[in-house]
C-alpha atoms as a PDB file:
ATOM      1  CA  UNK A   1      16.344   3.138 -10.521  1.00  0.00           C
ATOM      2  CA  UNK A   2      14.067   0.519 -12.684  1.00  0.00           C
ATOM      3  CA  UNK A   3      10.505   0.766 -12.196  1.00  0.00           C
ATOM      4  CA  UNK A   4      10.270  -2.317  -9.460  1.00  0.00           C
ATOM      5  CA  UNK A   5      13.188  -0.948  -7.349  1.00  0.00           C
ATOM      6  CA  UNK A   6      11.342   2.405  -7.176  1.00  0.00           C
ATOM      7  CA  UNK A   7       8.000   0.730  -5.921  1.00  0.00           C
ATOM      8  CA  UNK A   8       9.518  -0.745  -3.479  1.00  0.00           C
ATOM      9  CA  UNK A   9      11.550   2.054  -1.837  1.00  0.00           C
ATOM     10  CA  UNK A  10       7.993   3.734  -2.450  1.00  0.00           C
ATOM     11  CA  UNK A  11       6.611   0.719   0.188  1.00  0.00           C
ATOM     12  CA  UNK A  12       9.555   0.797   2.424  1.00  0.00           C
ATOM     13  CA  UNK A  13       8.715   4.901   2.869  1.00  0.00           C
ATOM     14  CA  UNK A  14       4.737   4.274   3.319  1.00  0.00           C
ATOM     15  CA  UNK A  15       5.647   1.922   5.719  1.00  0.00           C
ATOM     16  CA  UNK A  16       8.389   4.242   7.586  1.00  0.00           C
ATOM     17  CA  UNK A  17       6.173   6.949   7.408  1.00  0.00           C
ATOM     18  CA  UNK A  18       2.950   5.522   9.077  1.00  0.00           C
ATOM     19  CA  UNK A  19       4.996   3.005  11.273  1.00  0.00           C
ATOM     20  CA  UNK A  20       3.891  -0.052   9.453  1.00  0.00           C
ATOM     21  CA  UNK A  21       6.016  -3.312  10.662  1.00  0.00           C
ATOM     22  CA  UNK A  22       5.152  -7.152  10.785  1.00  0.00           C
ATOM     23  CA  UNK A  23       5.665  -6.921  14.388  1.00  0.00           C
ATOM     24  CA  UNK A  24       2.930  -4.682  14.604  1.00  0.00           C
ATOM     25  CA  UNK A  25      -0.551  -6.214  13.616  1.00  0.00           C
ATOM     26  CA  UNK A  26      -3.242  -5.013  16.032  1.00  0.00           C
ATOM     27  CA  UNK A  27      -4.564  -1.473  15.291  1.00  0.00           C
ATOM     28  CA  UNK A  28      -6.393   1.198  17.241  1.00  0.00           C
ATOM     29  CA  UNK A  29      -9.529   2.572  15.532  1.00  0.00           C
ATOM     30  CA  UNK A  30      -7.807   5.493  14.153  1.00  0.00           C
ATOM     31  CA  UNK A  31      -5.246   3.030  12.227  1.00  0.00           C
ATOM     32  CA  UNK A  32      -8.111   1.071  11.607  1.00  0.00           C
ATOM     33  CA  UNK A  33      -9.807   3.766  10.008  1.00  0.00           C
ATOM     34  CA  UNK A  34      -6.831   5.117   7.969  1.00  0.00           C
ATOM     35  CA  UNK A  35      -6.149   1.190   6.404  1.00  0.00           C
ATOM     36  CA  UNK A  36     -10.082   0.987   5.097  1.00  0.00           C
ATOM     37  CA  UNK A  37      -9.395   4.054   3.427  1.00  0.00           C
ATOM     38  CA  UNK A  38      -5.868   3.546   1.996  1.00  0.00           C
ATOM     39  CA  UNK A  39      -7.308   0.433   0.727  1.00  0.00           C
ATOM     40  CA  UNK A  40     -10.458   1.667  -0.736  1.00  0.00           C
ATOM     41  CA  UNK A  41      -7.835   4.512  -2.570  1.00  0.00           C
ATOM     42  CA  UNK A  42      -5.831   2.028  -4.332  1.00  0.00           C
ATOM     43  CA  UNK A  43      -8.870  -0.286  -5.077  1.00  0.00           C
ATOM     44  CA  UNK A  44     -10.330   2.669  -6.874  1.00  0.00           C
ATOM     45  CA  UNK A  45      -6.948   3.334  -8.576  1.00  0.00           C
ATOM     46  CA  UNK A  46      -6.592   0.142  -9.690  1.00  0.00           C
ATOM     47  CA  UNK A  47     -10.396   0.106 -11.131  1.00  0.00           C
ATOM     48  CA  UNK A  48      -9.440   3.221 -12.920  1.00  0.00           C
ATOM     49  CA  UNK A  49      -5.884   2.215 -14.192  1.00  0.00           C
ATOM     50  CA  UNK A  50      -5.399   2.421 -18.138  1.00  0.00           C
ATOM     51  CA  UNK A  51      -1.905   1.071 -18.201  1.00  0.00           C
ATOM     52  CA  UNK A  52      -0.432  -2.430 -16.770  1.00  0.00           C
ATOM     53  CA  UNK A  53       1.712  -0.159 -14.854  1.00  0.00           C
ATOM     54  CA  UNK A  54      -1.315   1.361 -13.366  1.00  0.00           C
ATOM     55  CA  UNK A  55      -2.513  -1.966 -12.810  1.00  0.00           C
ATOM     56  CA  UNK A  56       0.240  -3.109 -10.934  1.00  0.00           C
ATOM     57  CA  UNK A  57       1.189  -0.356  -8.819  1.00  0.00           C
ATOM     58  CA  UNK A  58      -2.504  -0.195  -7.215  1.00  0.00           C
ATOM     59  CA  UNK A  59      -2.006  -4.194  -7.110  1.00  0.00           C
ATOM     60  CA  UNK A  60       1.710  -3.199  -5.436  1.00  0.00           C
ATOM     61  CA  UNK A  61       0.138  -0.612  -3.150  1.00  0.00           C
ATOM     62  CA  UNK A  62      -2.881  -2.311  -2.093  1.00  0.00           C
ATOM     63  CA  UNK A  63      -0.496  -5.446  -0.964  1.00  0.00           C
ATOM     64  CA  UNK A  64       1.442  -3.356   1.171  1.00  0.00           C
ATOM     65  CA  UNK A  65      -1.126  -2.511   2.809  1.00  0.00           C
ATOM     66  CA  UNK A  66      -1.424  -5.904   4.173  1.00  0.00           C
ATOM     67  CA  UNK A  67       1.291  -6.287   7.048  1.00  0.00           C
ATOM     68  CA  UNK A  68       1.070 -10.454   7.858  1.00  0.00           C
ATOM     69  CA  UNK A  69       2.472 -11.278   4.889  1.00  0.00           C
END
């Protein structure tokens, strides 16, 4: 499995684990807090990234937190 396929698989697994879908766009306070923490973590990973792969990984993960697309 190549790197893009691996990232897509990880994204799908995260969405399944946290029951995230484009049909579910209203969030409880706990879900909102979780998403804020997840975004902060990905922003930190992007800030600390030292390789193009790490940059891409953080940006892809951050983008995947947006379920409206």
